């Protein structure tokens, strides 16, 4: 009995450590998404340790994960910096998003269960509240939750896996587009039309609404990126 209890304790410790690593990664990712660390800015380990309240070992593990996601770069003799997404890269990401998320909307309309539709409605209500009076983190989290429900209802594992590979840069672009004045209100209107098509089980209309939402977000985000690029001082 003692041996069995010790084995269970070992598993519990490992599980807590794993959860902690994920939380540290999420914390640094969120700090980037809300603009605490800007594109091109260094990510000093000491500052990250103070911000998250954890050891350098956990911070370094988180940075390796974020590097694999393309959210940060490790530059020789400089260390980790926040990656820049160029307007050209953004266009490519949005082109892929438009096709994949449009397909996800169509599949959801065709095959999602009533329970999954109810979950999406609830996520949409949460998103509307967050976009109206929530913090930047709450807005990002609620937008991610909405898309997670949408992908679950689409029921296509390959589609979900492919979008997950782009997820960090998608979130970065999403937080960029949400900065624009009036974009939040427009986004709610676009997603409301999408939800109507999903409720009507109209796959064609749902795909069109999902694609339109991505195209409009792309126009806003790319304009912000181009303006930011134009305002930067020329490299010496």
Protein backbone atom coordinates (compact mmCIF):
# COMPACT_ATOMS: atom_id res chain seq x y z
CA UNK A 1 0.00 0.00 0.00
CA UNK A 2 2.84 2.41 0.85
CA UNK A 3 4.54 1.77 -2.47
CA UNK A 4 1.29 2.44 -4.35
CA UNK A 5 0.74 5.73 -2.47
CA UNK A 6 4.26 6.89 -3.25
CA UNK A 7 3.72 6.18 -6.95
CA UNK A 8 0.51 8.24 -6.95
CA UNK A 9 2.32 11.13 -5.25
CA UNK A 10 5.03 11.04 -7.89
CA UNK A 11 2.46 11.34 -10.66
CA UNK A 12 0.78 14.26 -8.87
CA UNK A 13 4.04 16.19 -8.60
CA UNK A 14 4.77 15.72 -12.29
CA UNK A 15 1.28 16.85 -13.21
CA UNK A 16 1.57 20.04 -11.15
CA UNK A 17 4.97 20.81 -12.70
CA UNK A 18 3.51 20.37 -16.17
CA UNK A 19 0.59 22.69 -15.39
CA UNK A 20 3.02 25.28 -14.00
CA UNK A 21 5.12 25.18 -17.18
CA UNK A 22 2.01 25.78 -19.27
CA UNK A 23 0.96 28.68 -17.04
CA UNK A 24 4.37 30.33 -17.31
CA UNK A 25 4.27 29.98 -21.10
CA UNK A 26 0.73 31.40 -21.18
CA UNK A 27 1.76 34.31 -18.95
CA UNK A 28 4.67 35.37 -21.19
CA UNK A 29 2.61 34.82 -24.33
CA UNK A 30 -0.19 37.00 -22.92
CA UNK A 31 2.30 39.73 -21.97
CA UNK A 32 3.40 39.82 -25.61
CA UNK A 33 -0.17 39.76 -26.93
CA UNK A 34 -1.30 42.74 -24.85
CA UNK A 35 1.80 44.74 -25.79
CA UNK A 36 3.79 44.64 -22.56
CA UNK A 37 6.64 43.47 -24.76
CA UNK A 38 6.64 44.93 -28.27
CA UNK A 39 7.91 43.38 -31.53
CA UNK A 40 11.71 43.54 -31.63
CA UNK A 41 11.97 44.11 -27.87
CA UNK A 42 14.30 41.98 -25.73
CA UNK A 43 12.87 39.59 -23.15
CA UNK A 44 15.31 39.72 -20.21
CA UNK A 45 15.16 36.57 -18.11
CA UNK A 46 15.38 38.48 -14.84
CA UNK A 47 12.39 40.63 -15.75
CA UNK A 48 10.40 37.58 -16.84
CA UNK A 49 11.22 35.81 -13.56
CA UNK A 50 10.00 38.84 -11.59
CA UNK A 51 6.87 39.12 -13.72
CA UNK A 52 5.89 35.45 -13.43
CA UNK A 53 7.32 34.74 -9.96
CA UNK A 54 9.06 31.54 -11.08
CA UNK A 55 12.60 30.26 -11.59
CA UNK A 56 14.85 30.88 -14.59
CA UNK A 57 14.56 27.21 -15.49
CA UNK A 58 10.79 27.50 -16.00
CA UNK A 59 11.18 30.80 -17.85
CA UNK A 60 13.73 29.23 -20.21
CA UNK A 61 11.43 26.28 -20.89
CA UNK A 62 8.62 28.72 -21.68
CA UNK A 63 10.87 30.71 -24.02
CA UNK A 64 11.83 27.55 -25.90
CA UNK A 65 8.15 26.77 -26.39
CA UNK A 66 7.38 30.30 -27.60
CA UNK A 67 10.35 30.12 -29.96
CA UNK A 68 8.94 26.93 -31.48
CA UNK A 69 5.64 28.77 -31.99
CA UNK A 70 7.39 31.58 -33.88
CA UNK A 71 6.42 34.18 -31.29
CA UNK A 72 9.98 34.94 -30.22
CA UNK A 73 13.42 34.73 -31.81
CA UNK A 74 16.69 33.98 -30.05
CA UNK A 75 19.39 36.24 -31.50
CA UNK A 76 23.09 35.50 -30.85
CA UNK A 77 24.68 37.91 -28.35
CA UNK A 78 21.29 39.51 -27.73
CA UNK A 79 19.05 36.74 -26.44
CA UNK A 80 15.29 36.29 -26.90
CA UNK A 81 13.31 39.05 -28.59
CA UNK A 82 9.68 39.33 -29.62
CA UNK A 83 9.32 38.30 -33.26
CA UNK A 84 8.01 40.78 -35.78
CA UNK A 85 5.22 39.82 -38.15
CA UNK A 86 5.73 41.66 -41.43
CA UNK A 87 2.79 42.79 -43.56
CA UNK A 88 3.76 40.12 -46.12
CA UNK A 89 3.77 37.38 -43.48
CA UNK A 90 0.43 38.63 -42.16
CA UNK A 91 -1.11 38.45 -45.63
CA UNK A 92 0.01 34.84 -45.95
CA UNK A 93 -1.34 33.90 -42.54
CA UNK A 94 -4.69 35.57 -43.23
CA UNK A 95 -4.96 33.84 -46.63
CA UNK A 96 -4.60 30.48 -44.89
CA UNK A 97 -6.95 31.52 -42.08
CA UNK A 98 -9.64 32.62 -44.51
CA UNK A 99 -9.69 29.24 -46.22
CA UNK A 100 -9.42 27.11 -43.09
CA UNK A 101 -11.78 29.08 -40.86
CA UNK A 102 -14.28 29.42 -43.68
CA UNK A 103 -14.23 25.64 -43.99
CA UNK A 104 -14.59 25.29 -40.21
CA UNK A 105 -17.71 27.48 -40.29
CA UNK A 106 -19.21 25.40 -43.10
CA UNK A 107 -18.50 22.13 -41.30
CA UNK A 108 -19.92 23.49 -38.04
CA UNK A 109 -23.17 24.46 -39.77
CA UNK A 110 -23.46 21.02 -41.33
CA UNK A 111 -22.64 18.77 -38.43
CA UNK A 112 -22.34 20.45 -35.04
CA UNK A 113 -24.65 19.12 -32.33
CA UNK A 114 -27.25 21.30 -30.63
CA UNK A 115 -25.11 21.23 -27.49
CA UNK A 116 -22.10 22.51 -29.45
CA UNK A 117 -24.24 25.25 -30.97
CA UNK A 118 -25.42 26.24 -27.50
CA UNK A 119 -21.79 26.36 -26.31
CA UNK A 120 -20.90 28.62 -29.23
CA UNK A 121 -23.81 30.96 -28.43
CA UNK A 122 -22.59 31.18 -24.85
CA UNK A 123 -19.03 31.88 -26.00
CA UNK A 124 -20.33 34.62 -28.29
CA UNK A 125 -22.20 36.31 -25.43
CA UNK A 126 -19.03 36.21 -23.31
CA UNK A 127 -17.06 37.65 -26.22
CA UNK A 128 -19.54 40.52 -26.70
CA UNK A 129 -19.24 41.49 -23.03
CA UNK A 130 -15.45 41.32 -23.15
CA UNK A 131 -15.23 43.46 -26.30
CA UNK A 132 -17.55 46.04 -24.73
CA UNK A 133 -15.92 46.46 -21.32
CA UNK A 134 -13.30 43.77 -20.78
CA UNK A 135 -9.54 44.06 -20.44
CA UNK A 136 -7.25 43.26 -23.36
CA UNK A 137 -6.51 39.85 -21.83
CA UNK A 138 -10.21 39.11 -21.38
CA UNK A 139 -10.87 40.08 -24.99
CA UNK A 140 -8.13 37.80 -26.31
CA UNK A 141 -9.21 34.92 -24.07
CA UNK A 142 -12.87 35.21 -25.06
CA UNK A 143 -12.02 35.41 -28.77
CA UNK A 144 -9.84 32.30 -28.46
CA UNK A 145 -12.62 30.49 -26.58
CA UNK A 146 -15.12 31.34 -29.33
CA UNK A 147 -12.85 29.89 -32.00
CA UNK A 148 -12.12 26.83 -29.89
CA UNK A 149 -15.86 26.09 -29.67
CA UNK A 150 -16.19 26.66 -33.41
CA UNK A 151 -13.40 24.20 -34.22
CA UNK A 152 -14.76 21.61 -31.81
CA UNK A 153 -18.13 21.75 -33.57
CA UNK A 154 -16.48 21.49 -36.99
CA UNK A 155 -15.27 18.05 -35.96
CA UNK A 156 -12.22 17.94 -38.25
CA UNK A 157 -9.06 16.97 -36.39
CA UNK A 158 -6.73 17.77 -39.31
CA UNK A 159 -8.22 21.25 -39.59
CA UNK A 160 -7.82 21.88 -35.87
CA UNK A 161 -4.22 20.64 -35.88
CA UNK A 162 -3.29 22.82 -38.85
CA UNK A 163 -4.75 25.96 -37.29
CA UNK A 164 -3.05 25.17 -33.99
CA UNK A 165 0.34 25.39 -35.75
CA UNK A 166 -0.48 29.01 -36.62
CA UNK A 167 -2.15 29.76 -33.32
CA UNK A 168 0.41 32.05 -31.65
CA UNK A 169 0.85 34.28 -34.69
CA UNK A 170 -2.90 34.23 -35.30
CA UNK A 171 -3.43 35.44 -31.73
CA UNK A 172 -0.79 38.15 -32.20
CA UNK A 173 -2.50 39.39 -35.36
CA UNK A 174 -5.90 39.12 -33.66
CA UNK A 175 -4.73 41.32 -30.80
CA UNK A 176 -3.30 43.74 -33.38
CA UNK A 177 -6.56 44.08 -35.31
CA UNK A 178 -8.56 44.50 -32.09
CA UNK A 179 -6.54 47.65 -31.30
CA UNK A 180 -8.20 49.59 -34.14
CA UNK A 181 -10.96 52.03 -33.13
CA UNK A 182 -14.36 50.61 -34.00
CA UNK A 183 -13.02 47.16 -34.85
CA UNK A 184 -14.56 45.54 -31.77
CA UNK A 185 -18.07 46.71 -32.71
CA UNK A 186 -17.57 45.63 -36.31
CA UNK A 187 -16.25 42.24 -35.19
CA UNK A 188 -19.35 41.62 -33.06
CA UNK A 189 -21.60 42.46 -36.02
CA UNK A 190 -19.67 40.09 -38.30
CA UNK A 191 -19.75 37.24 -35.81
CA UNK A 192 -23.43 37.83 -35.17
CA UNK A 193 -24.08 37.25 -38.89
CA UNK A 194 -21.94 34.13 -38.72
CA UNK A 195 -23.91 32.83 -35.76
CA UNK A 196 -27.19 33.40 -37.60
CA UNK A 197 -25.93 31.33 -40.54
CA UNK A 198 -24.76 28.58 -38.18
CA UNK A 199 -28.12 28.50 -36.41
CA UNK A 200 -29.86 28.23 -39.81
CA UNK A 201 -27.51 25.33 -40.66
CA UNK A 202 -26.60 27.16 -43.86
CA UNK A 203 -23.10 25.95 -44.66
CA UNK A 204 -22.57 28.20 -47.67
CA UNK A 205 -23.65 31.35 -45.82
CA UNK A 206 -21.61 30.37 -42.76
CA UNK A 207 -18.47 29.91 -44.86
CA UNK A 208 -19.02 33.29 -46.54
CA UNK A 209 -19.55 35.02 -43.18
CA UNK A 210 -16.48 33.40 -41.63
CA UNK A 211 -14.33 34.34 -44.61
CA UNK A 212 -15.59 37.93 -44.58
CA UNK A 213 -14.73 38.26 -40.90
CA UNK A 214 -11.15 37.13 -41.55
CA UNK A 215 -10.76 39.42 -44.59
CA UNK A 216 -11.93 42.46 -42.63
CA UNK A 217 -9.61 41.62 -39.73
CA UNK A 218 -6.76 41.20 -42.22
CA UNK A 219 -7.33 44.65 -43.73
CA UNK A 220 -7.20 46.26 -40.29
CA UNK A 221 -4.19 44.34 -38.96
CA UNK A 222 -2.10 44.74 -42.12
CA UNK A 223 -2.79 48.49 -42.18
CA UNK A 224 -1.58 48.75 -38.57
CA UNK A 225 1.55 46.72 -39.37
CA UNK A 226 2.34 48.85 -42.43
CA UNK A 227 1.86 52.05 -40.45
CA UNK A 228 4.10 50.75 -37.68
CA UNK A 229 6.77 49.75 -40.20
CA UNK A 230 6.66 53.16 -41.89
CA UNK A 231 7.05 54.96 -38.55
CA UNK A 232 10.14 53.01 -37.49
CA UNK A 233 13.49 54.77 -37.86
CA UNK A 234 15.64 53.45 -40.68
CA UNK A 235 18.25 50.90 -39.65
CA UNK A 236 21.77 52.28 -39.46
